[in-house]
């Protein structure tokens, strides 16, 4: 009854406010497109510069929520009450882009997306979520990840104010794990192909990198270089490249911060580049003096703006607002400073007919520094994996604490796991490496079970598995896409699921100097080494693939009506939808 009274009260506020609003003042927000190395508004043909902020609320430590109905992350665009509350502050900041790290693909985003569009705000969305992402220490590109990524694309593709998608965020962050990047480039390929196959508009797909001087140019090259030797459409090329940059601290300068060297690296880059995060907090309150440089006459020739980290105050102290326990908002000192800095810059872009279309880049060959194959993982085949699972007698049981990596470390000492292994350094991908973690682990467990004489205790040891079936006629089984399982698995055993990618014929050896200033030859290197990156506090949960142990506590209240603010007409539509059954 209290909830009904609250909604009626809100509806009354909405009606009285909506009468004062002029519905004709809304101007359609046109999509953003990539032209050469810049972004352009498709309606005005004016160059688009990103004045953004990271907009992502994290669950608090110890927070209780209903795991049967809620995700382990917070989708800020799925709650009309909070997104409409925050919208007035985002507008006051003067931002035109928000970065969302976690999207719930089954949620309804209409109210928030429409309100943000009316406010002139675009969305850059990450495709992963904390427990389903490409891991740098155990990289895979499989059916589970593909399903997650494509579901986010399908959920947001209809909105014109989606600027683009991130296929990965700092997946490779040192020389020791650069072999993870082929899996991200495969993700870019399959997401872009899906966008084309579904007839969606050409939404840009790219990558957000860390800023490591030893590998940054290699990473930048890898995601846009010409991987194919022919003229076929290469969906695996990123449409943009972004960097999380925390070099400029306090009252630094273009010359002393490392910005000059960073800009030199990307001076001739063929795709748009921007800061996917910035805002060093070693000195607080943050003066944000880097904004003037980023949008100034020197840097705007190369860079398309940047995204401040971040809107909400978290344990790492990067926020510009404090979200109080009662649901209201309090501005922090950084808020007004960032607002002032953003309002003071109005970069003048290049006319669209004067954009220089730059030639493609030759891919760097593997070296002591860059241990990455030019061979990409194949597109995950869910039908094949379904049939594989049907063929297994002993399968893994998910008890709520399934850990694929730990289980395989044990099993792969006992059986050959080549068919489920994936190696981005050597470019070797087992024929079942694209199956989801449960199926990969089941394959290894079943192999051990069969090699030990099909002893049930081997399968059920420590409740890790169960005997699902003793025998099955695969000629009578079919994948969900209609393929016969016996024929499908037979064909997989005789040839690869997809043809191998042939590296470009004009790939040449690159002489690499292993000194402190080593950079690939195809990108202009800096004259001296980049400044050391500032140390950041923990930003958000690391992307891991092991499933968390779930509990079922009472559902947490996620909104507070007393904190609602205009625009109300979007909230009114939402409330009407709630009342529709009545």
Protein backbone atom coordinates (compact mmCIF):
# COMPACT_ATOMS: atom_id res chain seq x y z
CA UNK A 1 0.00 0.00 0.00
CA UNK A 2 2.88 2.35 0.81
CA UNK A 3 4.38 1.65 -2.64
CA UNK A 4 1.07 2.47 -4.34
CA UNK A 5 0.78 5.72 -2.41
CA UNK A 6 4.35 6.61 -3.37
CA UNK A 7 3.70 6.01 -7.06
CA UNK A 8 0.48 8.07 -6.97
CA UNK A 9 2.38 10.90 -5.31
CA UNK A 10 5.08 10.73 -7.95
CA UNK A 11 2.50 10.68 -10.72
CA UNK A 12 0.93 13.86 -9.33
CA UNK A 13 4.32 15.57 -9.34
CA UNK A 14 4.97 14.38 -12.86
CA UNK A 15 1.65 15.64 -14.20
CA UNK A 16 2.05 19.08 -12.68
CA UNK A 17 5.59 19.40 -13.99
CA UNK A 18 4.92 17.95 -17.44
CA UNK A 19 2.28 20.61 -18.09
CA UNK A 20 5.02 23.25 -17.86
CA UNK A 21 7.34 21.48 -20.28
CA UNK A 22 7.34 22.24 -23.99
CA UNK A 23 7.34 18.90 -25.78
CA UNK A 24 8.31 20.56 -29.06
CA UNK A 25 11.71 21.63 -27.76
CA UNK A 26 13.16 18.14 -28.13
CA UNK A 27 15.71 17.84 -30.93
CA UNK A 28 16.49 14.39 -32.29
CA UNK A 29 19.93 13.16 -31.32
CA UNK A 30 21.76 11.90 -34.39
CA UNK A 31 24.07 8.88 -34.26
CA UNK A 32 27.84 9.32 -34.26
CA UNK A 33 29.91 7.78 -37.05
CA UNK A 34 33.60 7.23 -37.73
CA UNK A 35 35.22 9.08 -40.62
CA UNK A 36 38.94 8.51 -40.94
CA UNK A 37 40.46 9.07 -37.50
CA UNK A 38 37.63 11.20 -36.13
CA UNK A 39 34.03 11.00 -34.92
CA UNK A 40 31.26 12.94 -36.68
CA UNK A 41 27.63 13.73 -35.97
CA UNK A 42 25.59 12.19 -38.79
CA UNK A 43 23.01 14.95 -38.62
CA UNK A 44 25.25 18.01 -38.59
CA UNK A 45 28.46 16.52 -40.08
CA UNK A 46 30.36 18.34 -37.37
CA UNK A 47 33.29 16.66 -35.63
CA UNK A 48 32.31 15.14 -32.29
CA UNK A 49 34.57 15.49 -29.26
CA UNK A 50 33.92 13.36 -26.17
CA UNK A 51 33.36 15.27 -22.92
CA UNK A 52 32.53 12.26 -20.81
CA UNK A 53 32.40 10.74 -17.38
CA UNK A 54 32.38 7.15 -16.13
CA UNK A 55 28.88 6.49 -14.83
CA UNK A 56 28.89 3.19 -12.94
CA UNK A 57 27.64 2.44 -9.43
CA UNK A 58 29.32 -0.53 -7.78
CA UNK A 59 27.71 -2.76 -5.23
CA UNK A 60 29.01 -1.97 -1.76
CA UNK A 61 30.99 -4.50 0.21
CA UNK A 62 28.56 -6.64 2.16
CA UNK A 63 25.57 -5.29 0.25
CA UNK A 64 22.61 -7.65 0.27
CA UNK A 65 20.55 -8.22 -2.85
CA UNK A 66 18.26 -10.88 -4.24
CA UNK A 67 20.42 -13.06 -6.49
CA UNK A 68 17.32 -14.70 -7.95
CA UNK A 69 16.15 -11.45 -9.52
CA UNK A 70 19.18 -9.14 -9.52
CA UNK A 71 22.63 -9.29 -11.11
CA UNK A 72 25.88 -9.15 -9.15
CA UNK A 73 26.51 -5.75 -10.75
CA UNK A 74 24.50 -2.54 -11.03
CA UNK A 75 23.20 -1.43 -14.43
CA UNK A 76 22.81 2.36 -14.03
CA UNK A 77 20.61 2.62 -17.12
CA UNK A 78 18.06 0.08 -15.88
CA UNK A 79 16.76 2.11 -12.93
CA UNK A 80 14.65 5.10 -14.06
CA UNK A 81 14.52 6.59 -10.57
CA UNK A 82 18.29 6.91 -10.18
CA UNK A 83 19.21 7.72 -13.79
CA UNK A 84 16.68 10.56 -13.93
CA UNK A 85 17.90 11.82 -10.58
CA UNK A 86 21.49 11.84 -11.85
CA UNK A 87 20.65 13.31 -15.24
CA UNK A 88 20.34 16.86 -13.95
CA UNK A 89 23.84 16.62 -12.47
CA UNK A 90 25.29 15.14 -15.64
CA UNK A 91 23.75 17.98 -17.63
CA UNK A 92 25.16 20.50 -15.18
CA UNK A 93 28.62 18.99 -15.61
CA UNK A 94 28.30 19.57 -19.35
CA UNK A 95 29.08 15.99 -20.37
CA UNK A 96 27.97 14.58 -23.71
CA UNK A 97 29.05 10.96 -23.10
CA UNK A 98 28.80 8.54 -20.20
CA UNK A 99 30.72 5.28 -20.03
CA UNK A 100 28.78 2.32 -18.65
CA UNK A 101 30.90 -0.66 -17.57
CA UNK A 102 28.11 -3.18 -16.96
CA UNK A 103 24.83 -3.54 -18.85
CA UNK A 104 22.07 -5.97 -17.93
CA UNK A 105 20.90 -7.16 -21.37
CA UNK A 106 17.51 -8.40 -20.15
CA UNK A 107 16.59 -5.11 -18.47
CA UNK A 108 14.52 -2.34 -20.05
CA UNK A 109 16.58 0.77 -20.81
CA UNK A 110 13.99 2.85 -22.66
CA UNK A 111 13.34 5.49 -19.98
CA UNK A 112 16.99 6.22 -19.21
CA UNK A 113 18.22 6.02 -22.80
CA UNK A 114 15.46 8.29 -24.10
CA UNK A 115 16.04 10.82 -21.32
CA UNK A 116 19.78 10.82 -21.93
CA UNK A 117 19.20 11.27 -25.66
CA UNK A 118 16.97 14.26 -25.04
CA UNK A 119 19.74 15.72 -22.88
CA UNK A 120 22.27 15.24 -25.69
CA UNK A 121 24.17 12.46 -23.92
CA UNK A 122 25.62 9.44 -25.74
CA UNK A 123 26.56 6.06 -24.28
CA UNK A 124 29.81 4.11 -24.53
CA UNK A 125 29.11 0.64 -23.14
CA UNK A 126 31.46 -2.17 -22.15
CA UNK A 127 30.24 -5.56 -23.40
CA UNK A 128 31.61 -7.61 -20.50
CA UNK A 129 30.56 -7.89 -16.88
CA UNK A 130 32.65 -8.80 -13.81
CA UNK A 131 32.17 -12.56 -14.04
CA UNK A 132 31.94 -12.91 -17.83
CA UNK A 133 34.88 -11.24 -19.53
CA UNK A 134 38.11 -12.07 -21.35
CA UNK A 135 40.71 -12.74 -18.67
CA UNK A 136 44.30 -11.68 -19.16
CA UNK A 137 45.66 -14.63 -17.16
CA UNK A 138 43.40 -17.32 -18.67
CA UNK A 139 42.15 -15.87 -21.97
CA UNK A 140 39.41 -17.52 -23.98
CA UNK A 141 36.90 -16.52 -26.61
CA UNK A 142 34.01 -18.92 -26.19
CA UNK A 143 30.27 -19.41 -26.52
CA UNK A 144 29.52 -17.98 -23.07
CA UNK A 145 31.40 -14.76 -23.82
CA UNK A 146 29.96 -14.45 -27.32
CA UNK A 147 26.43 -14.84 -25.99
CA UNK A 148 27.05 -12.19 -23.34
CA UNK A 149 28.58 -9.70 -25.77
CA UNK A 150 25.93 -10.12 -28.45
CA UNK A 151 23.10 -9.87 -25.92
CA UNK A 152 24.36 -6.43 -24.84
CA UNK A 153 24.59 -5.33 -28.47
CA UNK A 154 21.05 -6.54 -29.15
CA UNK A 155 19.76 -4.73 -26.06
CA UNK A 156 21.23 -1.35 -27.02
CA UNK A 157 21.46 -1.35 -30.82
CA UNK A 158 18.07 0.35 -31.28
CA UNK A 159 19.17 3.52 -29.49
CA UNK A 160 20.67 6.26 -31.66
CA UNK A 161 22.65 7.63 -28.72
CA UNK A 162 24.84 4.55 -28.41
CA UNK A 163 28.21 5.90 -29.52
CA UNK A 164 30.00 2.57 -29.38
CA UNK A 165 30.99 -0.59 -27.55
CA UNK A 166 34.18 -1.64 -25.75
CA UNK A 167 35.13 -5.25 -26.52
CA UNK A 168 37.71 -5.20 -23.74
CA UNK A 169 39.20 -3.04 -21.01
CA UNK A 170 42.88 -3.38 -20.08
CA UNK A 171 42.82 -7.09 -20.94
CA UNK A 172 46.57 -7.01 -21.66
CA UNK A 173 48.41 -4.73 -19.26
CA UNK A 174 52.03 -5.91 -19.48
CA UNK A 175 54.44 -7.79 -21.73
CA UNK A 176 53.69 -10.98 -19.78
CA UNK A 177 50.06 -11.19 -20.90
CA UNK A 178 49.93 -9.63 -24.36
CA UNK A 179 49.01 -13.06 -25.73
CA UNK A 180 45.45 -12.31 -24.55
CA UNK A 181 44.81 -9.71 -27.26
CA UNK A 182 43.98 -12.14 -30.12
CA UNK A 183 40.92 -13.13 -28.09
CA UNK A 184 39.81 -9.49 -27.87
CA UNK A 185 40.34 -8.91 -31.58
CA UNK A 186 38.22 -12.01 -32.23
CA UNK A 187 35.53 -10.47 -30.04
CA UNK A 188 35.66 -7.27 -32.11
CA UNK A 189 35.34 -9.36 -35.28
CA UNK A 190 32.32 -11.36 -34.14
CA UNK A 191 30.51 -8.39 -32.62
CA UNK A 192 30.96 -6.27 -35.76
CA UNK A 193 29.85 -9.14 -37.99
CA UNK A 194 26.77 -9.63 -35.82
CA UNK A 195 25.94 -5.93 -36.12
CA UNK A 196 26.20 -6.21 -39.90
CA UNK A 197 24.25 -9.48 -40.10
CA UNK A 198 21.42 -8.08 -38.00
CA UNK A 199 21.12 -4.98 -40.16
CA UNK A 200 21.89 -2.62 -37.27
CA UNK A 201 23.48 0.72 -38.00
CA UNK A 202 27.28 0.63 -38.06
CA UNK A 203 27.89 1.13 -34.34
CA UNK A 204 31.64 1.53 -33.63
CA UNK A 205 33.38 -1.24 -31.68
CA UNK A 206 36.80 -0.73 -30.08
CA UNK A 207 39.14 -1.38 -27.19
CA UNK A 208 40.17 0.45 -23.99
CA UNK A 209 43.86 -0.07 -23.19
CA UNK A 210 46.03 0.61 -20.19
CA UNK A 211 48.88 3.08 -20.64
CA UNK A 212 52.08 1.02 -20.49
CA UNK A 213 54.90 2.67 -22.45
CA UNK A 214 56.51 -0.67 -23.30
CA UNK A 215 53.49 -2.10 -25.13
CA UNK A 216 51.10 0.78 -25.88
CA UNK A 217 52.17 1.27 -29.50
CA UNK A 218 52.14 -2.47 -30.11
CA UNK A 219 48.61 -2.70 -28.75
CA UNK A 220 47.47 0.29 -30.78
CA UNK A 221 48.93 -1.26 -33.93
CA UNK A 222 47.48 -4.71 -33.29
CA UNK A 223 43.85 -3.65 -33.08
CA UNK A 224 43.79 -1.78 -36.41
CA UNK A 225 46.53 -3.37 -38.54
CA UNK A 226 45.82 -5.16 -41.84
CA UNK A 227 45.56 -8.80 -40.84
CA UNK A 228 44.30 -10.08 -44.18
CA UNK A 229 46.14 -10.24 -47.49
CA UNK A 230 43.07 -9.72 -49.66
CA UNK A 231 40.35 -7.11 -49.91
CA UNK A 232 37.67 -8.92 -47.88
CA UNK A 233 35.97 -6.95 -45.14
CA UNK A 234 38.04 -7.31 -41.99
CA UNK A 235 35.54 -7.11 -39.17
CA UNK A 236 38.32 -7.73 -36.67
CA UNK A 237 39.72 -4.20 -37.02
CA UNK A 238 38.73 -1.92 -34.17
CA UNK A 239 36.79 1.19 -35.14
CA UNK A 240 38.50 3.19 -32.38
CA UNK A 241 41.24 2.82 -29.80
CA UNK A 242 41.09 4.31 -26.31
CA UNK A 243 43.52 4.56 -23.39
CA UNK A 244 43.00 4.85 -19.64
CA UNK A 245 45.45 7.66 -18.85
CA UNK A 246 46.38 8.84 -15.35
CA UNK A 247 49.63 10.65 -16.14
CA UNK A 248 48.61 14.25 -15.60
CA UNK A 249 48.47 14.85 -11.85
CA UNK A 250 47.63 18.18 -10.24
CA UNK A 251 49.08 21.19 -12.06
CA UNK A 252 51.21 19.29 -14.55
CA UNK A 253 51.81 20.45 -18.13
CA UNK A 254 51.69 19.06 -21.65
CA UNK A 255 55.48 18.81 -21.66
CA UNK A 256 56.01 17.29 -18.20
CA UNK A 257 52.99 14.99 -17.92
CA UNK A 258 53.84 12.57 -20.72
CA UNK A 259 51.01 13.87 -22.92
CA UNK A 260 53.46 15.10 -25.54
CA UNK A 261 55.04 11.66 -25.95
CA UNK A 262 51.65 9.96 -25.95
CA UNK A 263 50.33 12.28 -28.62
CA UNK A 264 53.40 11.66 -30.78
CA UNK A 265 52.72 7.92 -30.74
CA UNK A 266 49.24 8.43 -32.22
CA UNK A 267 50.00 11.33 -34.57
CA UNK A 268 49.41 9.21 -37.68
CA UNK A 269 46.90 6.72 -36.29
CA UNK A 270 44.19 5.72 -38.81
CA UNK A 271 41.28 5.43 -36.32
CA UNK A 272 39.81 7.75 -33.65
CA UNK A 273 41.66 7.76 -30.33
CA UNK A 274 40.50 9.16 -27.01
CA UNK A 275 41.01 8.85 -23.26
CA UNK A 276 38.65 6.14 -21.98
CA UNK A 277 39.53 7.23 -18.41
CA UNK A 278 41.48 10.16 -17.00
CA UNK A 279 41.76 12.04 -13.73
CA UNK A 280 44.76 11.32 -11.49
CA UNK A 281 43.85 11.86 -7.83
CA UNK A 282 47.28 11.98 -6.20
CA UNK A 283 46.55 15.68 -5.61
CA UNK A 284 43.06 16.45 -4.28
CA UNK A 285 40.81 18.22 -4.90
CA UNK A 286 41.67 17.54 -8.52
CA UNK A 287 42.21 20.75 -10.55
CA UNK A 288 41.54 18.97 -13.90
CA UNK A 289 43.97 21.25 -15.71
CA UNK A 290 44.50 18.49 -18.30
CA UNK A 291 41.09 19.28 -19.80
CA UNK A 292 42.39 22.48 -21.38
CA UNK A 293 45.29 20.59 -22.94
CA UNK A 294 43.21 17.64 -24.12
CA UNK A 295 40.80 19.87 -26.02
CA UNK A 296 43.42 22.45 -27.00
CA UNK A 297 44.72 23.18 -30.49
CA UNK A 298 47.64 20.73 -30.25
CA UNK A 299 45.97 17.61 -28.86
CA UNK A 300 42.59 17.88 -30.61
CA UNK A 301 44.30 17.27 -33.94
CA UNK A 302 44.94 13.72 -32.71
CA UNK A 303 42.57 13.07 -29.82
CA UNK A 304 38.76 13.01 -29.81
CA UNK A 305 38.35 13.98 -26.17
CA UNK A 306 38.13 11.89 -23.04
CA UNK A 307 36.12 10.40 -20.18
CA UNK A 308 36.66 11.53 -16.60
CA UNK A 309 36.87 8.87 -13.94
CA UNK A 310 34.29 8.93 -12.30
CA UNK A 311 30.78 10.13 -11.33
CA UNK A 312 30.07 8.15 -8.13
CA UNK A 313 32.39 8.37 -5.13
CA UNK A 314 33.69 4.90 -4.28
CA UNK A 315 36.41 3.55 -1.98
CA UNK A 316 39.09 4.71 -4.45
CA UNK A 317 38.03 8.39 -4.12
CA UNK A 318 37.66 9.37 -7.77
CA UNK A 319 34.02 10.48 -7.58
CA UNK A 320 32.56 13.93 -8.19
CA UNK A 321 29.33 13.25 -6.26
CA UNK A 322 28.45 11.37 -3.08
CA UNK A 323 25.44 9.05 -3.22
CA UNK A 324 23.95 9.29 0.26
CA UNK A 325 22.22 6.41 2.03
CA UNK A 326 18.84 8.10 1.66
CA UNK A 327 19.28 8.19 -2.12
CA UNK A 328 20.03 11.90 -2.43
CA UNK A 329 23.12 13.38 -4.08
CA UNK A 330 25.79 15.63 -2.62
CA UNK A 331 28.33 17.38 -4.82
CA UNK A 332 31.99 16.90 -3.96
CA UNK A 333 34.67 19.58 -4.59
CA UNK A 334 35.71 17.94 -7.88
CA UNK A 335 32.23 18.48 -9.31
CA UNK A 336 32.36 22.25 -9.73
CA UNK A 337 35.98 22.15 -10.89
CA UNK A 338 35.23 19.65 -13.65
CA UNK A 339 32.11 21.58 -14.59
CA UNK A 340 34.15 24.78 -14.95
CA UNK A 341 36.86 23.04 -17.01
CA UNK A 342 34.39 21.41 -19.38
CA UNK A 343 32.41 24.62 -19.90
CA UNK A 344 35.60 26.52 -20.76
CA UNK A 345 36.51 24.33 -23.75
CA UNK A 346 34.72 24.33 -27.07
CA UNK A 347 37.02 22.59 -29.55
CA UNK A 348 36.74 23.43 -33.24
CA UNK A 349 36.84 20.34 -35.40
CA UNK A 350 37.92 19.53 -38.93
CA UNK A 351 35.26 19.81 -41.67
CA UNK A 352 34.13 16.34 -42.67
CA UNK A 353 35.20 16.83 -46.30
CA UNK A 354 38.74 17.64 -45.16
CA UNK A 355 39.34 14.49 -43.12
CA UNK A 356 42.49 12.71 -44.16
CA UNK A 357 41.89 9.01 -44.77
CA UNK A 358 45.11 7.43 -43.60
CA UNK A 359 46.61 4.23 -45.02
CA UNK A 360 46.33 0.97 -43.12
CA UNK A 361 49.07 -0.27 -40.83
CA UNK A 362 51.23 -3.32 -41.30
CA UNK A 363 50.94 -5.76 -38.40
CA UNK A 364 53.96 -6.12 -36.16
CA UNK A 365 55.48 -9.59 -36.39
CA UNK A 366 56.09 -11.52 -33.15
CA UNK A 367 59.25 -10.52 -31.30
CA UNK A 368 60.85 -10.74 -27.88
CA UNK A 369 58.69 -7.82 -26.79
CA UNK A 370 55.55 -8.64 -28.74
CA UNK A 371 54.82 -12.35 -28.30
CA UNK A 372 51.50 -12.40 -30.11
CA UNK A 373 50.35 -14.56 -33.02
CA UNK A 374 48.60 -13.11 -36.06
CA UNK A 375 46.25 -16.11 -36.00
CA UNK A 376 42.92 -15.35 -34.32
CA UNK A 377 40.66 -17.73 -32.40
CA UNK A 378 37.67 -18.93 -34.46
CA UNK A 379 34.12 -17.72 -34.00
CA UNK A 380 32.61 -19.81 -31.17
CA UNK A 381 30.26 -22.53 -32.46
CA UNK A 382 27.46 -23.18 -29.96
CA UNK A 383 25.97 -26.02 -32.01
CA UNK A 384 29.24 -27.92 -32.01
CA UNK A 385 29.57 -27.46 -28.25
CA UNK A 386 26.01 -28.64 -27.66
CA UNK A 387 26.77 -31.82 -29.58
CA UNK A 388 30.05 -32.31 -27.74
CA UNK A 389 28.21 -32.16 -24.42
CA UNK A 390 25.70 -34.73 -25.69
CA UNK A 391 28.58 -37.09 -26.48
CA UNK A 392 30.04 -37.02 -22.94
CA UNK A 393 29.15 -39.60 -20.32
CA UNK A 394 30.80 -37.91 -17.32
CA UNK A 395 30.06 -34.21 -16.94
CA UNK A 396 31.00 -31.53 -14.42
CA UNK A 397 28.40 -30.52 -11.85
CA UNK A 398 28.13 -26.84 -10.92
CA UNK A 399 27.86 -26.80 -7.13
CA UNK A 400 28.01 -23.00 -6.98
CA UNK A 401 31.78 -22.81 -6.65
CA UNK A 402 32.88 -24.15 -10.04
CA UNK A 403 36.43 -23.07 -10.89
CA UNK A 404 37.47 -24.18 -14.38
CA UNK A 405 41.09 -23.14 -14.07
CA UNK A 406 41.62 -25.06 -10.82
CA UNK A 407 39.88 -28.17 -12.13
CA UNK A 408 41.84 -28.20 -15.38
CA UNK A 409 45.16 -27.77 -13.58
CA UNK A 410 44.44 -31.10 -11.93
CA UNK A 411 42.93 -32.95 -14.90
CA UNK A 412 45.35 -31.74 -17.57
CA UNK A 413 48.26 -33.31 -15.70
CA UNK A 414 46.50 -36.65 -16.26
CA UNK A 415 45.07 -36.30 -19.77
CA UNK A 416 45.94 -34.44 -22.96
CA UNK A 417 43.96 -31.18 -22.98
CA UNK A 418 45.21 -29.88 -26.33
CA UNK A 419 41.71 -29.92 -27.83
CA UNK A 420 40.39 -27.45 -25.23
CA UNK A 421 43.53 -25.34 -24.86
CA UNK A 422 43.97 -21.92 -26.47
CA UNK A 423 47.29 -20.16 -26.99
CA UNK A 424 47.39 -16.62 -28.32
CA UNK A 425 51.17 -16.61 -28.37
CA UNK A 426 51.44 -19.57 -30.75
CA UNK A 427 48.10 -19.06 -32.51
CA UNK A 428 46.96 -22.56 -31.63
CA UNK A 429 43.34 -23.01 -30.61
CA UNK A 430 41.96 -26.44 -29.75
CA UNK A 431 38.88 -27.52 -31.67
CA UNK A 432 36.78 -27.34 -28.49
CA UNK A 433 38.50 -24.34 -26.89
CA UNK A 434 35.57 -22.16 -27.95
CA UNK A 435 33.08 -24.09 -25.81
CA UNK A 436 31.96 -22.64 -22.49
CA UNK A 437 33.90 -23.38 -19.27
CA UNK A 438 31.56 -26.11 -18.07
CA UNK A 439 31.79 -28.02 -21.34
CA UNK A 440 35.58 -27.65 -21.55
CA UNK A 441 35.98 -28.96 -18.01
CA UNK A 442 33.48 -31.75 -18.71
CA UNK A 443 35.48 -32.77 -21.78
CA UNK A 444 38.66 -33.14 -19.71
CA UNK A 445 36.86 -34.97 -16.87
CA UNK A 446 35.14 -37.34 -19.30
CA UNK A 447 38.48 -38.08 -20.99
CA UNK A 448 40.03 -38.99 -17.63
CA UNK A 449 36.95 -41.06 -16.76
CA UNK A 450 37.25 -43.05 -19.99
CA UNK A 451 41.01 -43.53 -19.70
CA UNK A 452 40.60 -45.03 -16.21
CA UNK A 453 38.06 -47.63 -17.31
CA UNK A 454 34.88 -45.58 -16.77
CA UNK A 455 35.02 -45.99 -13.01
CA UNK A 456 32.18 -44.04 -11.46
CA UNK A 457 34.25 -42.91 -8.48
CA UNK A 458 36.63 -41.12 -10.87
CA UNK A 459 33.73 -39.07 -12.22
CA UNK A 460 32.08 -38.32 -8.89
CA UNK A 461 35.22 -37.72 -6.83
CA UNK A 462 34.64 -34.80 -4.42
CA UNK A 463 31.27 -34.22 -6.16
CA UNK A 464 32.99 -32.64 -9.13
CA UNK A 465 30.98 -34.58 -11.70
CA UNK A 466 28.23 -37.07 -12.39
CA UNK A 467 27.60 -39.86 -14.88
CA UNK A 468 24.95 -38.29 -17.07
CA UNK A 469 24.57 -41.09 -19.60
CA UNK A 470 26.25 -44.39 -20.43
CA UNK A 471 25.83 -44.21 -24.20
CA UNK A 472 24.03 -42.06 -26.77
CA UNK A 473 23.37 -42.41 -30.49
CA UNK A 474 24.57 -39.06 -31.85
CA UNK A 475 22.86 -39.79 -35.17
CA UNK A 476 19.59 -39.13 -33.35
CA UNK A 477 20.75 -35.89 -31.72
CA UNK A 478 20.74 -32.42 -33.25
CA UNK A 479 22.07 -29.02 -32.24
CA UNK A 480 19.62 -26.17 -31.76
CA UNK A 481 20.57 -24.84 -35.20
CA UNK A 482 19.49 -28.14 -36.80
CA UNK A 483 22.82 -29.88 -37.48
CA UNK A 484 23.18 -33.59 -36.91
CA UNK A 485 25.54 -34.17 -33.98
CA UNK A 486 27.27 -37.22 -35.40
CA UNK A 487 28.00 -35.56 -38.73
CA UNK A 488 29.04 -32.33 -37.05
CA UNK A 489 31.55 -33.91 -34.67
CA UNK A 490 32.90 -36.14 -37.43
CA UNK A 491 33.58 -33.10 -39.58
CA UNK A 492 35.27 -31.31 -36.67
CA UNK A 493 37.59 -34.27 -36.21
CA UNK A 494 38.79 -34.02 -39.80
CA UNK A 495 39.12 -30.30 -40.29
CA UNK A 496 39.06 -27.04 -38.40
CA UNK A 497 35.73 -25.35 -37.84
CA UNK A 498 36.94 -22.22 -39.65
CA UNK A 499 39.71 -21.66 -42.21
CA UNK A 500 42.95 -20.25 -40.88
CA UNK A 501 43.66 -16.56 -41.37
CA UNK A 502 46.49 -15.84 -43.74
CA UNK A 503 48.71 -12.97 -42.60
CA UNK A 504 49.16 -10.12 -45.02
CA UNK A 505 51.77 -10.82 -47.71
CA UNK A 506 53.40 -7.48 -47.10
CA UNK A 507 54.10 -8.17 -43.43
CA UNK A 508 57.78 -7.54 -42.98
CA UNK A 509 60.18 -8.11 -40.17
CA UNK A 510 60.53 -5.19 -37.80
CA UNK A 511 63.82 -4.55 -36.13
CA UNK A 512 63.13 -3.96 -32.47
CA UNK A 513 65.52 -2.13 -30.21
CA UNK A 514 65.15 -3.64 -26.76
CA UNK A 515 66.26 -0.44 -25.13
CA UNK A 516 64.04 1.86 -23.05
CA UNK A 517 62.71 3.70 -26.11
CA UNK A 518 61.55 0.68 -28.14
CA UNK A 519 58.42 1.31 -30.21
CA UNK A 520 57.13 -0.32 -33.43
CA UNK A 521 58.37 1.40 -36.56
CA UNK A 522 54.94 2.01 -38.02
CA UNK A 523 53.97 4.48 -35.31
CA UNK A 524 56.00 7.57 -34.60
CA UNK A 525 57.91 6.87 -31.37
CA UNK A 526 58.45 9.47 -28.67
CA UNK A 527 61.82 11.10 -28.23
CA UNK A 528 62.09 9.99 -24.65
CA UNK A 529 60.37 7.52 -22.40
CA UNK A 530 56.92 8.29 -21.08
CA UNK A 531 56.51 9.36 -17.46
CA UNK A 532 55.64 6.69 -14.92
CA UNK A 533 51.93 6.11 -14.55
CA UNK A 534 50.37 7.25 -11.31
CA UNK A 535 49.30 4.47 -9.01
CA UNK A 536 45.54 4.13 -8.84
CA UNK A 537 43.49 2.60 -6.10
CA UNK A 538 41.22 -0.34 -6.82
CA UNK A 539 38.62 0.84 -9.32
CA UNK A 540 36.22 -2.07 -9.79
CA UNK A 541 36.09 -5.84 -9.47
CA UNK A 542 38.58 -7.78 -11.56
CA UNK A 543 37.02 -9.73 -14.37
CA UNK A 544 37.01 -13.35 -13.34
CA UNK A 545 35.15 -16.28 -14.75
CA UNK A 546 34.63 -18.47 -11.72
CA UNK A 547 31.07 -18.20 -10.52
CA UNK A 548 30.50 -16.65 -7.09
CA UNK A 549 28.88 -18.53 -4.24
CA UNK A 550 25.37 -17.15 -4.26
CA UNK A 551 23.07 -16.39 -1.37
CA UNK A 552 19.46 -15.34 -1.24
CA UNK A 553 19.13 -12.46 1.23
CA UNK A 554 16.22 -10.01 1.13
CA UNK A 555 16.18 -7.80 -1.91
CA UNK A 556 17.80 -4.43 -1.38
CA UNK A 557 15.86 -1.23 -1.99
CA UNK A 558 17.60 0.38 -4.97
CA UNK A 559 15.74 3.65 -5.33
CA UNK A 560 14.52 6.51 -3.20
CA UNK A 561 11.55 8.50 -4.40
CA UNK A 562 12.39 11.55 -2.34
CA UNK A 563 15.48 12.14 -4.45
CA UNK A 564 13.70 12.34 -7.82
CA UNK A 565 14.26 15.37 -10.02
CA UNK A 566 13.31 16.46 -13.57
CA UNK A 567 13.03 15.51 -16.38
CA UNK A 568 9.70 14.09 -15.28
CA UNK A 569 8.04 13.13 -18.53
CA UNK A 570 10.23 10.04 -18.88
CA UNK A 571 9.40 9.05 -15.32
CA UNK A 572 5.73 9.63 -16.07
CA UNK A 573 5.90 7.17 -18.96
CA UNK A 574 7.53 4.67 -16.65
CA UNK A 575 4.84 5.12 -13.98
CA UNK A 576 2.09 4.72 -16.58
CA UNK A 577 3.63 1.41 -17.60
CA UNK A 578 3.47 0.30 -13.95
CA UNK A 579 -0.23 1.18 -13.78
CA UNK A 580 -1.14 -0.35 -17.13
CA UNK A 581 -2.50 -3.63 -15.64
CA UNK A 582 -4.99 -1.63 -13.56
